[in-house]
Amino acid sequence: MDDVEQIDVEVVWATRARQVLLGIRLPAGATALEAVRQSGILERCPDIDAGHLELGIFGVPVAHDETLSAGDRVEIYRPLEQDPREARRQLAALGLTIGTRRR
């Protein structure tokens, strides 16, 4: 029997159309990038740009070598579709703000 301590973590990828959440068990001391690779999410979701991974844990950006703790949720972030400042400028030009609807 293996005496290496194991931790349970989740790896998450979300788009507007779907969310993928995979629970995995890793050796204690595993990193965020190791969790992504070992989860199989890169193969399952070919739309993830594996060459430019931006990762976070519970909404906080982290480096690929961030050591995980039991219960962590490793999030893979998508690139922004539009700069939020530019989106606000465009809405302001229309007399709108984020969260308002055009009538």
N, C-alpha and C. Protein backbone atom coordinates (compact mmCIF):
# COMPACT_ATOMS: atom_id res chain seq x y z
N MET A 1 0.83 -1.19 0.00
CA MET A 1 0.00 0.00 0.00
C MET A 1 0.87 1.24 0.00
N ASP A 2 0.49 2.27 -0.73
CA ASP A 2 1.25 3.49 -0.86
C ASP A 2 0.98 4.39 0.34
N ASP A 3 2.05 4.86 0.98
CA ASP A 3 1.91 5.70 2.17
C ASP A 3 1.93 7.19 1.85
N VAL A 4 1.91 7.56 0.57
CA VAL A 4 1.94 8.97 0.19
C VAL A 4 0.57 9.58 0.49
N GLU A 5 0.58 10.71 1.22
CA GLU A 5 -0.68 11.39 1.53
C GLU A 5 -1.32 11.88 0.24
N GLN A 6 -2.62 11.74 0.13
CA GLN A 6 -3.38 12.14 -1.05
C GLN A 6 -4.32 13.29 -0.68
N ILE A 7 -4.58 14.17 -1.64
CA ILE A 7 -5.54 15.25 -1.45
C ILE A 7 -6.55 15.20 -2.59
N ASP A 8 -7.76 15.64 -2.30
CA ASP A 8 -8.80 15.72 -3.32
C ASP A 8 -8.95 17.19 -3.72
N VAL A 9 -8.94 17.45 -5.04
CA VAL A 9 -9.12 18.79 -5.58
C VAL A 9 -10.07 18.71 -6.77
N GLU A 10 -10.50 19.86 -7.23
CA GLU A 10 -11.34 19.95 -8.42
C GLU A 10 -10.62 20.80 -9.46
N VAL A 11 -10.87 20.49 -10.73
CA VAL A 11 -10.37 21.29 -11.85
C VAL A 11 -11.60 21.73 -12.64
N VAL A 12 -11.67 23.04 -12.94
CA VAL A 12 -12.87 23.61 -13.56
C VAL A 12 -12.52 24.40 -14.80
N TRP A 13 -13.35 24.25 -15.83
CA TRP A 13 -13.29 25.04 -17.06
C TRP A 13 -14.72 25.40 -17.41
N ALA A 14 -14.95 26.66 -17.73
CA ALA A 14 -16.32 27.08 -18.07
C ALA A 14 -16.32 28.00 -19.28
N THR A 15 -17.33 27.81 -20.11
CA THR A 15 -17.61 28.72 -21.21
C THR A 15 -19.05 29.19 -21.03
N ARG A 16 -19.51 30.03 -21.92
CA ARG A 16 -20.92 30.44 -21.82
C ARG A 16 -21.86 29.26 -22.01
N ALA A 17 -21.42 28.29 -22.79
CA ALA A 17 -22.29 27.16 -23.13
C ALA A 17 -22.24 26.00 -22.14
N ARG A 18 -21.11 25.82 -21.46
CA ARG A 18 -21.02 24.67 -20.57
C ARG A 18 -19.95 24.87 -19.50
N GLN A 19 -20.05 24.03 -18.48
CA GLN A 19 -19.07 24.01 -17.40
C GLN A 19 -18.61 22.57 -17.21
N VAL A 20 -17.31 22.40 -17.05
CA VAL A 20 -16.75 21.07 -16.79
C VAL A 20 -16.05 21.14 -15.44
N LEU A 21 -16.44 20.27 -14.52
CA LEU A 21 -15.83 20.19 -13.20
C LEU A 21 -15.41 18.75 -12.97
N LEU A 22 -14.12 18.55 -12.75
CA LEU A 22 -13.60 17.21 -12.55
C LEU A 22 -12.94 17.11 -11.18
N GLY A 23 -13.34 16.14 -10.41
CA GLY A 23 -12.69 15.88 -9.13
C GLY A 23 -11.59 14.86 -9.31
N ILE A 24 -10.43 15.14 -8.72
CA ILE A 24 -9.32 14.20 -8.82
C ILE A 24 -8.60 14.09 -7.49
N ARG A 25 -7.84 13.02 -7.35
CA ARG A 25 -7.01 12.78 -6.17
C ARG A 25 -5.55 12.82 -6.61
N LEU A 26 -4.76 13.61 -5.88
CA LEU A 26 -3.35 13.82 -6.20
C LEU A 26 -2.50 13.62 -4.95
N PRO A 27 -1.21 13.38 -5.14
CA PRO A 27 -0.32 13.34 -3.98
C PRO A 27 -0.21 14.73 -3.35
N ALA A 28 -0.13 14.79 -2.03
CA ALA A 28 0.09 16.07 -1.35
C ALA A 28 1.34 16.71 -1.94
N GLY A 29 1.31 18.03 -2.11
CA GLY A 29 2.43 18.74 -2.71
C GLY A 29 2.29 18.94 -4.20
N ALA A 30 1.21 18.42 -4.79
CA ALA A 30 0.98 18.60 -6.23
C ALA A 30 0.71 20.08 -6.52
N THR A 31 1.00 20.48 -7.75
CA THR A 31 0.82 21.87 -8.16
C THR A 31 -0.46 22.04 -8.98
N ALA A 32 -0.81 23.30 -9.19
CA ALA A 32 -2.01 23.61 -9.98
C ALA A 32 -1.88 23.05 -11.40
N LEU A 33 -0.72 23.21 -12.01
CA LEU A 33 -0.53 22.69 -13.37
C LEU A 33 -0.59 21.17 -13.40
N GLU A 34 -0.04 20.50 -12.40
CA GLU A 34 -0.13 19.04 -12.34
C GLU A 34 -1.58 18.59 -12.24
N ALA A 35 -2.38 19.33 -11.49
CA ALA A 35 -3.80 18.99 -11.37
C ALA A 35 -4.49 19.09 -12.72
N VAL A 36 -4.21 20.16 -13.45
CA VAL A 36 -4.82 20.34 -14.77
C VAL A 36 -4.42 19.19 -15.68
N ARG A 37 -3.14 18.90 -15.73
CA ARG A 37 -2.66 17.84 -16.63
C ARG A 37 -3.22 16.47 -16.25
N GLN A 38 -3.22 16.15 -14.96
CA GLN A 38 -3.65 14.83 -14.52
C GLN A 38 -5.17 14.66 -14.55
N SER A 39 -5.90 15.76 -14.58
CA SER A 39 -7.37 15.66 -14.60
C SER A 39 -7.89 15.14 -15.93
N GLY A 40 -7.12 15.33 -17.01
CA GLY A 40 -7.59 14.95 -18.34
C GLY A 40 -8.45 16.01 -19.00
N ILE A 41 -8.58 17.16 -18.37
CA ILE A 41 -9.46 18.21 -18.91
C ILE A 41 -8.94 18.78 -20.23
N LEU A 42 -7.62 18.78 -20.42
CA LEU A 42 -7.07 19.31 -21.68
C LEU A 42 -7.48 18.44 -22.86
N GLU A 43 -7.56 17.14 -22.65
CA GLU A 43 -7.99 16.24 -23.71
C GLU A 43 -9.51 16.30 -23.89
N ARG A 44 -10.21 16.47 -22.81
CA ARG A 44 -11.68 16.51 -22.84
C ARG A 44 -12.22 17.81 -23.43
N CYS A 45 -11.47 18.88 -23.29
CA CYS A 45 -11.91 20.20 -23.76
C CYS A 45 -10.86 20.78 -24.70
N PRO A 46 -10.89 20.41 -25.97
CA PRO A 46 -9.86 20.85 -26.90
C PRO A 46 -9.86 22.36 -27.14
N ASP A 47 -10.90 23.07 -26.70
CA ASP A 47 -10.93 24.52 -26.88
C ASP A 47 -10.05 25.25 -25.85
N ILE A 48 -9.50 24.54 -24.88
CA ILE A 48 -8.57 25.14 -23.92
C ILE A 48 -7.22 25.31 -24.61
N ASP A 49 -6.67 26.51 -24.54
CA ASP A 49 -5.35 26.78 -25.11
C ASP A 49 -4.29 26.34 -24.11
N ALA A 50 -3.82 25.11 -24.25
CA ALA A 50 -2.87 24.53 -23.30
C ALA A 50 -1.54 25.27 -23.28
N GLY A 51 -1.23 26.01 -24.32
CA GLY A 51 0.01 26.76 -24.37
C GLY A 51 -0.03 28.06 -23.60
N HIS A 52 -1.22 28.52 -23.24
CA HIS A 52 -1.37 29.80 -22.54
C HIS A 52 -2.37 29.66 -21.40
N LEU A 53 -2.09 28.77 -20.47
CA LEU A 53 -3.01 28.54 -19.36
C LEU A 53 -2.90 29.64 -18.31
N GLU A 54 -4.04 30.23 -17.97
CA GLU A 54 -4.13 31.15 -16.84
C GLU A 54 -4.93 30.42 -15.79
N LEU A 55 -4.35 30.23 -14.60
CA LEU A 55 -4.97 29.43 -13.56
C LEU A 55 -5.29 30.26 -12.32
N GLY A 56 -6.25 29.78 -11.57
CA GLY A 56 -6.60 30.39 -10.30
C GLY A 56 -7.12 29.34 -9.35
N ILE A 57 -7.18 29.72 -8.09
CA ILE A 57 -7.78 28.88 -7.06
C ILE A 57 -8.83 29.72 -6.35
N PHE A 58 -10.08 29.31 -6.45
CA PHE A 58 -11.21 30.04 -5.87
C PHE A 58 -11.18 31.52 -6.24
N GLY A 59 -10.95 31.81 -7.53
CA GLY A 59 -11.03 33.18 -8.02
C GLY A 59 -9.78 34.01 -7.84
N VAL A 60 -8.72 33.45 -7.31
CA VAL A 60 -7.47 34.18 -7.11
C VAL A 60 -6.43 33.62 -8.09
N PRO A 61 -5.92 34.45 -9.00
CA PRO A 61 -4.91 33.96 -9.95
C PRO A 61 -3.68 33.40 -9.21
N VAL A 62 -3.16 32.29 -9.74
CA VAL A 62 -1.98 31.66 -9.15
C VAL A 62 -1.01 31.25 -10.25
N ALA A 63 0.24 31.03 -9.85
CA ALA A 63 1.26 30.52 -10.75
C ALA A 63 1.03 29.04 -10.98
N HIS A 64 1.56 28.53 -12.06
CA HIS A 64 1.41 27.10 -12.37
C HIS A 64 2.00 26.22 -11.28
N ASP A 65 3.03 26.71 -10.59
CA ASP A 65 3.70 25.89 -9.57
C ASP A 65 3.12 26.08 -8.16
N GLU A 66 1.94 26.69 -8.08
CA GLU A 66 1.28 26.87 -6.78
C GLU A 66 0.94 25.49 -6.19
N THR A 67 1.37 25.27 -4.95
CA THR A 67 1.08 24.01 -4.27
C THR A 67 -0.36 23.99 -3.81
N LEU A 68 -1.03 22.89 -4.06
CA LEU A 68 -2.45 22.76 -3.73
C LEU A 68 -2.67 22.23 -2.33
N SER A 69 -3.82 22.58 -1.79
CA SER A 69 -4.29 22.04 -0.52
C SER A 69 -5.54 21.22 -0.77
N ALA A 70 -5.85 20.34 0.14
CA ALA A 70 -7.07 19.53 0.00
C ALA A 70 -8.28 20.44 -0.14
N GLY A 71 -9.14 20.11 -1.10
CA GLY A 71 -10.38 20.87 -1.31
C GLY A 71 -10.25 22.04 -2.25
N ASP A 72 -9.04 22.34 -2.74
CA ASP A 72 -8.87 23.47 -3.67
C ASP A 72 -9.62 23.21 -4.96
N ARG A 73 -10.06 24.32 -5.59
CA ARG A 73 -10.69 24.26 -6.91
C ARG A 73 -9.79 25.03 -7.87
N VAL A 74 -9.13 24.31 -8.76
CA VAL A 74 -8.24 24.92 -9.75
C VAL A 74 -9.10 25.35 -10.93
N GLU A 75 -9.08 26.64 -11.22
CA GLU A 75 -9.89 27.20 -12.29
C GLU A 75 -9.00 27.55 -13.48
N ILE A 76 -9.44 27.19 -14.67
CA ILE A 76 -8.75 27.55 -15.90
C ILE A 76 -9.51 28.74 -16.48
N TYR A 77 -8.83 29.85 -16.62
CA TYR A 77 -9.48 31.07 -17.09
C TYR A 77 -9.40 31.20 -18.60
N ARG A 78 -10.51 31.65 -19.18
CA ARG A 78 -10.56 31.94 -20.62
C ARG A 78 -10.03 33.36 -20.84
N PRO A 79 -9.49 33.61 -22.03
CA PRO A 79 -9.10 35.00 -22.34
C PRO A 79 -10.36 35.86 -22.40
N LEU A 80 -10.22 37.12 -22.04
CA LEU A 80 -11.35 38.04 -22.12
C LEU A 80 -11.75 38.24 -23.57
N GLU A 81 -13.04 38.27 -23.83
CA GLU A 81 -13.54 38.53 -25.18
C GLU A 81 -13.42 40.00 -25.52
N GLN A 82 -13.49 40.85 -24.48
CA GLN A 82 -13.40 42.28 -24.69
C GLN A 82 -12.81 42.90 -23.43
N ASP A 83 -12.01 43.92 -23.59
CA ASP A 83 -11.46 44.65 -22.46
C ASP A 83 -12.63 45.28 -21.68
N PRO A 84 -12.74 45.01 -20.38
CA PRO A 84 -13.87 45.54 -19.61
C PRO A 84 -13.96 47.07 -19.65
N ARG A 85 -12.82 47.74 -19.69
CA ARG A 85 -12.85 49.22 -19.75
C ARG A 85 -13.46 49.68 -21.07
N GLU A 86 -13.12 49.00 -22.16
CA GLU A 86 -13.68 49.35 -23.45
C GLU A 86 -15.19 49.07 -23.49
N ALA A 87 -15.61 47.97 -22.89
CA ALA A 87 -17.04 47.64 -22.82
C ALA A 87 -17.80 48.74 -22.08
N ARG A 88 -17.24 49.22 -20.97
CA ARG A 88 -17.90 50.30 -20.21
C ARG A 88 -17.97 51.58 -21.04
N ARG A 89 -16.88 51.89 -21.77
CA ARG A 89 -16.89 53.09 -22.63
C ARG A 89 -17.99 52.99 -23.69
N GLN A 90 -18.12 51.83 -24.30
CA GLN A 90 -19.14 51.66 -25.33
C GLN A 90 -20.54 51.79 -24.75
N LEU A 91 -20.75 51.22 -23.57
CA LEU A 91 -22.06 51.35 -22.93
C LEU A 91 -22.34 52.80 -22.57
N ALA A 92 -21.34 53.49 -22.04
CA ALA A 92 -21.53 54.89 -21.66
C ALA A 92 -21.88 55.74 -22.87
N ALA A 93 -21.29 55.43 -24.02
CA ALA A 93 -21.61 56.18 -25.24
C ALA A 93 -23.07 56.00 -25.63
N LEU A 94 -23.66 54.88 -25.21
CA LEU A 94 -25.08 54.62 -25.49
C LEU A 94 -25.99 55.08 -24.36
N GLY A 95 -25.38 55.63 -23.31
CA GLY A 95 -26.15 56.08 -22.16
C GLY A 95 -26.55 54.94 -21.24
N LEU A 96 -25.82 53.84 -21.30
CA LEU A 96 -26.13 52.66 -20.50
C LEU A 96 -24.99 52.37 -19.53
N THR A 97 -25.28 51.51 -18.58
CA THR A 97 -24.25 51.00 -17.67
C THR A 97 -24.36 49.48 -17.65
N ILE A 98 -23.35 48.84 -17.11
CA ILE A 98 -23.38 47.39 -17.00
C ILE A 98 -24.57 46.98 -16.16
N GLY A 99 -25.33 46.04 -16.64
CA GLY A 99 -26.51 45.56 -15.92
C GLY A 99 -27.80 46.21 -16.35
N THR A 100 -27.73 47.27 -17.16
CA THR A 100 -28.97 47.88 -17.66
C THR A 100 -29.31 47.29 -19.01
N ARG A 101 -30.58 47.34 -19.32
CA ARG A 101 -31.03 46.80 -20.61
C ARG A 101 -31.52 47.92 -21.48
N ARG A 102 -31.28 47.73 -22.73
CA ARG A 102 -31.77 48.68 -23.71
C ARG A 102 -33.27 48.44 -23.93
N ARG A 103 -34.02 49.47 -24.04
CA ARG A 103 -35.47 49.30 -24.26
C ARG A 103 -35.85 49.76 -25.62
